[in-house]
Structure formats: structure tokens, C-alpha cells
Amino acid sequence: MRQELVALGIEEMRTPEEVDARLGDATGTVLVVVNSMCGCAARNARPAVGMALQNAPVRPERLTTVFAGQDGAATARAREYFEGWPPSSPSIGLLKNGKPVFMLERHRIEGRSAEMIAEDLVAAFEEYCR
């Protein structure tokens, strides 16, 4: 499950220090995928990220991930960067110049196909990554 995102070139953040190093003073756009073991939602979220990255005319400058349930401290720290959104696993967020601009929470992932989720991500990339 980890490797599915890493194989796409997405950088894992396994400690709070790694999260701060990648997100703390980030400029530009950063995708943050909160990966999880949840078969009902994450099984479509991970492929959706890959589809979106392959099909988007523009994409975030940096790609990162934390794994909820396995790297708890890193996940908690990453969630602090998305103030205003409750914790959700899986979830896919986008930061622009350190500010949260988009969040796809579990309730918008669960029960939807990877293609539908990817469409939401591509639209967010087009809106915020230009």
C-alpha cells in the first residue's frame, strides 16, 4: 500500500520532522496524500492519485504522503497544516504557498470510483497549480 504511492514518485513523510521539512516553508503547490489501510476508500484513492497525476495538464510541484495508522506522529503533524478540516483517512489535500486550498476528505472518496476521484483532483490541480 505504501509502495503504490511511492512508485508514483510521491515522497513519504514518516516523522514530524520530515513533515515540517517538506511542508514548513513550502512555496508553490504540494500534494499531501493521507494514505490508510481502509479497503473501502483507500483502495480507490491511491489509483485515483496516479490517474490524476498522469492525466492532469498541470500538477503540484511536490508530491508527499503520510500513512495514517502506521506513522501516527507524522500524520498528526501533516494534518496540522490543514487547519479547518477534521482528520480524515484517507484524504488528499493541496497546499499552495503553505496554505491549504483543497481537501478531498474520506466522505468524498468512499463509494466513488477511482476515475471520479481523479476528476476531482485534476480539477483542483487546474485551479490551484497554474
C-alpha atoms as a PDB file:
ATOM      1  CA  MET A   1       0.000   0.000   0.000  1.00  0.00           C
ATOM      2  CA  ARG A   2       2.863   2.356   0.726  1.00  0.00           C
ATOM      3  CA  GLN A   3       4.677   1.364  -2.431  1.00  0.00           C
ATOM      4  CA  GLU A   4       1.658   2.105  -4.587  1.00  0.00           C
ATOM      5  CA  LEU A   5       2.188   5.833  -3.933  1.00  0.00           C
ATOM      6  CA  VAL A   6       5.981   5.747  -3.688  1.00  0.00           C
ATOM      7  CA  ALA A   7       6.102   4.131  -7.147  1.00  0.00           C
ATOM      8  CA  LEU A   8       4.381   7.258  -8.477  1.00  0.00           C
ATOM      9  CA  GLY A   9       7.249   9.414  -7.212  1.00  0.00           C
ATOM     10  CA  ILE A  10       5.417  10.552  -4.084  1.00  0.00           C
ATOM     11  CA  GLU A  11       7.732  11.195  -1.139  1.00  0.00           C
ATOM     12  CA  GLU A  12       6.924   9.526   2.153  1.00  0.00           C
ATOM     13  CA  MET A  13       6.999  11.580   5.314  1.00  0.00           C
ATOM     14  CA  ARG A  14       7.424   9.188   8.244  1.00  0.00           C
ATOM     15  CA  THR A  15       8.279  11.583  11.086  1.00  0.00           C
ATOM     16  CA  PRO A  16       7.028  15.001  12.195  1.00  0.00           C
ATOM     17  CA  GLU A  17      10.464  16.380  11.321  1.00  0.00           C
ATOM     18  CA  GLU A  18      10.148  15.130   7.737  1.00  0.00           C
ATOM     19  CA  VAL A  19       6.686  16.700   7.510  1.00  0.00           C
ATOM     20  CA  ASP A  20       7.992  20.069   8.704  1.00  0.00           C
ATOM     21  CA  ALA A  21      10.996  19.861   6.370  1.00  0.00           C
ATOM     22  CA  ARG A  22       8.737  19.349   3.341  1.00  0.00           C
ATOM     23  CA  LEU A  23       5.729  21.458   4.316  1.00  0.00           C
ATOM     24  CA  GLY A  24       7.044  24.024   6.801  1.00  0.00           C
ATOM     25  CA  ASP A  25       8.281  26.723   4.454  1.00  0.00           C
ATOM     26  CA  ALA A  26       6.837  25.276   1.278  1.00  0.00           C
ATOM     27  CA  THR A  27       6.327  27.590  -1.635  1.00  0.00           C
ATOM     28  CA  GLY A  28       4.378  26.598  -4.690  1.00  0.00           C
ATOM     29  CA  THR A  29       1.982  23.677  -4.588  1.00  0.00           C
ATOM     30  CA  VAL A  30       2.275  20.498  -2.530  1.00  0.00           C
ATOM     31  CA  LEU A  31       0.005  17.470  -2.714  1.00  0.00           C
ATOM     32  CA  VAL A  32      -0.426  15.670   0.622  1.00  0.00           C
ATOM     33  CA  VAL A  33      -1.968  12.195   0.493  1.00  0.00           C
ATOM     34  CA  VAL A  34      -3.036  10.743   3.833  1.00  0.00           C
ATOM     35  CA  ASN A  35      -2.841   7.058   2.961  1.00  0.00           C
ATOM     36  CA  SER A  36      -4.664   4.436   5.007  1.00  0.00           C
ATOM     37  CA  MET A  37      -5.411   0.752   5.315  1.00  0.00           C
ATOM     38  CA  CYS A  38      -9.124   1.331   4.698  1.00  0.00           C
ATOM     39  CA  GLY A  39     -10.086  -1.013   1.898  1.00  0.00           C
ATOM     40  CA  CYS A  40     -13.364   0.705   1.137  1.00  0.00           C
ATOM     41  CA  ALA A  41     -11.929   4.176   0.466  1.00  0.00           C
ATOM     42  CA  ALA A  42      -8.148   3.960   0.116  1.00  0.00           C
ATOM     43  CA  ARG A  43      -8.325   1.206  -2.497  1.00  0.00           C
ATOM     44  CA  ASN A  44      -9.754   3.801  -4.906  1.00  0.00           C
ATOM     45  CA  ALA A  45      -7.907   6.831  -3.562  1.00  0.00           C
ATOM     46  CA  ARG A  46      -4.423   5.516  -4.355  1.00  0.00           C
ATOM     47  CA  PRO A  47      -5.119   4.662  -8.015  1.00  0.00           C
ATOM     48  CA  ALA A  48      -7.032   7.935  -8.368  1.00  0.00           C
ATOM     49  CA  VAL A  49      -3.915   9.871  -7.390  1.00  0.00           C
ATOM     50  CA  GLY A  50      -1.948   8.049 -10.093  1.00  0.00           C
ATOM     51  CA  MET A  51      -4.617   8.701 -12.729  1.00  0.00           C
ATOM     52  CA  ALA A  52      -4.793  12.372 -11.829  1.00  0.00           C
ATOM     53  CA  LEU A  53      -1.019  12.799 -11.986  1.00  0.00           C
ATOM     54  CA  GLN A  54      -0.886  11.095 -15.385  1.00  0.00           C
ATOM     55  CA  ASN A  55      -3.828  12.952 -16.899  1.00  0.00           C
ATOM     56  CA  ALA A  56      -3.602  16.466 -15.490  1.00  0.00           C
ATOM     57  CA  PRO A  57      -2.299  19.213 -17.763  1.00  0.00           C
ATOM     58  CA  VAL A  58      -0.767  20.778 -14.647  1.00  0.00           C
ATOM     59  CA  ARG A  59       0.173  19.108 -11.386  1.00  0.00           C
ATOM     60  CA  PRO A  60       1.524  20.030  -7.964  1.00  0.00           C
ATOM     61  CA  GLU A  61       5.199  20.852  -7.756  1.00  0.00           C
ATOM     62  CA  ARG A  62       5.772  18.478  -4.838  1.00  0.00           C
ATOM     63  CA  LEU A  63       4.105  15.189  -4.034  1.00  0.00           C
ATOM     64  CA  THR A  64       4.055  13.857  -0.469  1.00  0.00           C
ATOM     65  CA  THR A  65       2.319  11.221   1.636  1.00  0.00           C
ATOM     66  CA  VAL A  66       1.870  10.110   5.228  1.00  0.00           C
ATOM     67  CA  PHE A  67       0.389   6.782   6.317  1.00  0.00           C
ATOM     68  CA  ALA A  68      -2.352   7.010   8.937  1.00  0.00           C
ATOM     69  CA  GLY A  69      -2.286   4.176  11.439  1.00  0.00           C
ATOM     70  CA  GLN A  70       1.372   3.429  10.816  1.00  0.00           C
ATOM     71  CA  ASP A  71       3.150   6.767  11.082  1.00  0.00           C
ATOM     72  CA  GLY A  72       0.851   8.397  13.607  1.00  0.00           C
ATOM     73  CA  ALA A  73       3.038  11.303  14.673  1.00  0.00           C
ATOM     74  CA  ALA A  74       3.830  12.271  11.077  1.00  0.00           C
ATOM     75  CA  THR A  75       0.163  12.018  10.119  1.00  0.00           C
ATOM     76  CA  ALA A  76      -0.891  14.182  13.057  1.00  0.00           C
ATOM     77  CA  ARG A  77       1.684  16.802  12.121  1.00  0.00           C
ATOM     78  CA  ALA A  78       0.651  16.810   8.451  1.00  0.00           C
ATOM     79  CA  ARG A  79      -2.971  17.309   9.479  1.00  0.00           C
ATOM     80  CA  GLU A  80      -1.967  20.452  11.379  1.00  0.00           C
ATOM     81  CA  TYR A  81      -1.183  22.059   8.017  1.00  0.00           C
ATOM     82  CA  PHE A  82      -4.840  21.624   7.039  1.00  0.00           C
ATOM     83  CA  GLU A  83      -6.403  23.704   9.786  1.00  0.00           C
ATOM     84  CA  GLY A  84     -10.151  23.844   9.493  1.00  0.00           C
ATOM     85  CA  TRP A  85     -10.534  20.321   8.126  1.00  0.00           C
ATOM     86  CA  PRO A  86     -11.153  17.462  10.551  1.00  0.00           C
ATOM     87  CA  PRO A  87      -8.854  14.424  10.464  1.00  0.00           C
ATOM     88  CA  SER A  88      -9.831  12.046   7.685  1.00  0.00           C
ATOM     89  CA  SER A  89      -8.239   8.854   6.403  1.00  0.00           C
ATOM     90  CA  PRO A  90      -7.756   8.590   3.572  1.00  0.00           C
ATOM     91  CA  SER A  91      -7.706  12.174   2.397  1.00  0.00           C
ATOM     92  CA  ILE A  92      -5.936  14.169  -0.279  1.00  0.00           C
ATOM     93  CA  GLY A  93      -5.051  17.789   0.285  1.00  0.00           C
ATOM     94  CA  LEU A  94      -3.333  20.542  -1.603  1.00  0.00           C
ATOM     95  CA  LEU A  95      -1.250  23.358  -0.143  1.00  0.00           C
ATOM     96  CA  LYS A  96      -0.341  26.480  -2.060  1.00  0.00           C
ATOM     97  CA  ASN A  97       2.423  28.603  -0.572  1.00  0.00           C
ATOM     98  CA  GLY A  98       1.893  26.841   2.741  1.00  0.00           C
ATOM     99  CA  LYS A  99      -1.861  27.463   2.879  1.00  0.00           C
ATOM    100  CA  PRO A 100      -4.492  24.740   2.459  1.00  0.00           C
ATOM    101  CA  VAL A 101      -6.560  25.347  -0.677  1.00  0.00           C
ATOM    102  CA  PHE A 102      -8.213  21.982  -1.335  1.00  0.00           C
ATOM    103  CA  MET A 103      -9.171  18.868   0.614  1.00  0.00           C
ATOM    104  CA  LEU A 104     -10.769  15.680  -0.579  1.00  0.00           C
ATOM    105  CA  GLU A 105     -11.981  14.006   2.602  1.00  0.00           C
ATOM    106  CA  ARG A 106     -12.934  10.380   3.124  1.00  0.00           C
ATOM    107  CA  HIS A 107     -16.648  11.117   2.723  1.00  0.00           C
ATOM    108  CA  ARG A 108     -15.886  12.453  -0.790  1.00  0.00           C
ATOM    109  CA  ILE A 109     -13.743   9.400  -1.601  1.00  0.00           C
ATOM    110  CA  GLU A 110     -15.663   6.466  -0.145  1.00  0.00           C
ATOM    111  CA  GLY A 111     -18.141   4.829  -2.523  1.00  0.00           C
ATOM    112  CA  ARG A 112     -16.759   6.633  -5.588  1.00  0.00           C
ATOM    113  CA  SER A 113     -14.710   5.180  -8.405  1.00  0.00           C
ATOM    114  CA  ALA A 114     -11.035   5.985  -8.869  1.00  0.00           C
ATOM    115  CA  GLU A 115     -11.958   7.772 -12.100  1.00  0.00           C
ATOM    116  CA  MET A 116     -14.409  10.074 -10.315  1.00  0.00           C
ATOM    117  CA  ILE A 117     -11.887  10.879  -7.581  1.00  0.00           C
ATOM    118  CA  ALA A 118      -9.214  11.533 -10.214  1.00  0.00           C
ATOM    119  CA  GLU A 119     -11.532  14.001 -11.962  1.00  0.00           C
ATOM    120  CA  ASP A 120     -11.868  15.975  -8.714  1.00  0.00           C
ATOM    121  CA  LEU A 121      -8.090  16.018  -8.312  1.00  0.00           C
ATOM    122  CA  VAL A 122      -7.435  17.108 -11.897  1.00  0.00           C
ATOM    123  CA  ALA A 123      -9.926  19.971 -11.444  1.00  0.00           C
ATOM    124  CA  ALA A 124      -8.152  21.035  -8.238  1.00  0.00           C
ATOM    125  CA  PHE A 125      -4.751  20.863  -9.958  1.00  0.00           C
ATOM    126  CA  GLU A 126      -6.044  23.022 -12.809  1.00  0.00           C
ATOM    127  CA  GLU A 127      -7.472  25.567 -10.383  1.00  0.00           C
ATOM    128  CA  TYR A 128      -4.567  25.827  -7.938  1.00  0.00           C
ATOM    129  CA  CYS A 129      -1.382  24.651  -9.701  1.00  0.00           C
ATOM    130  CA  ARG A 130      -1.163  27.179 -12.526  1.00  0.00           C
END
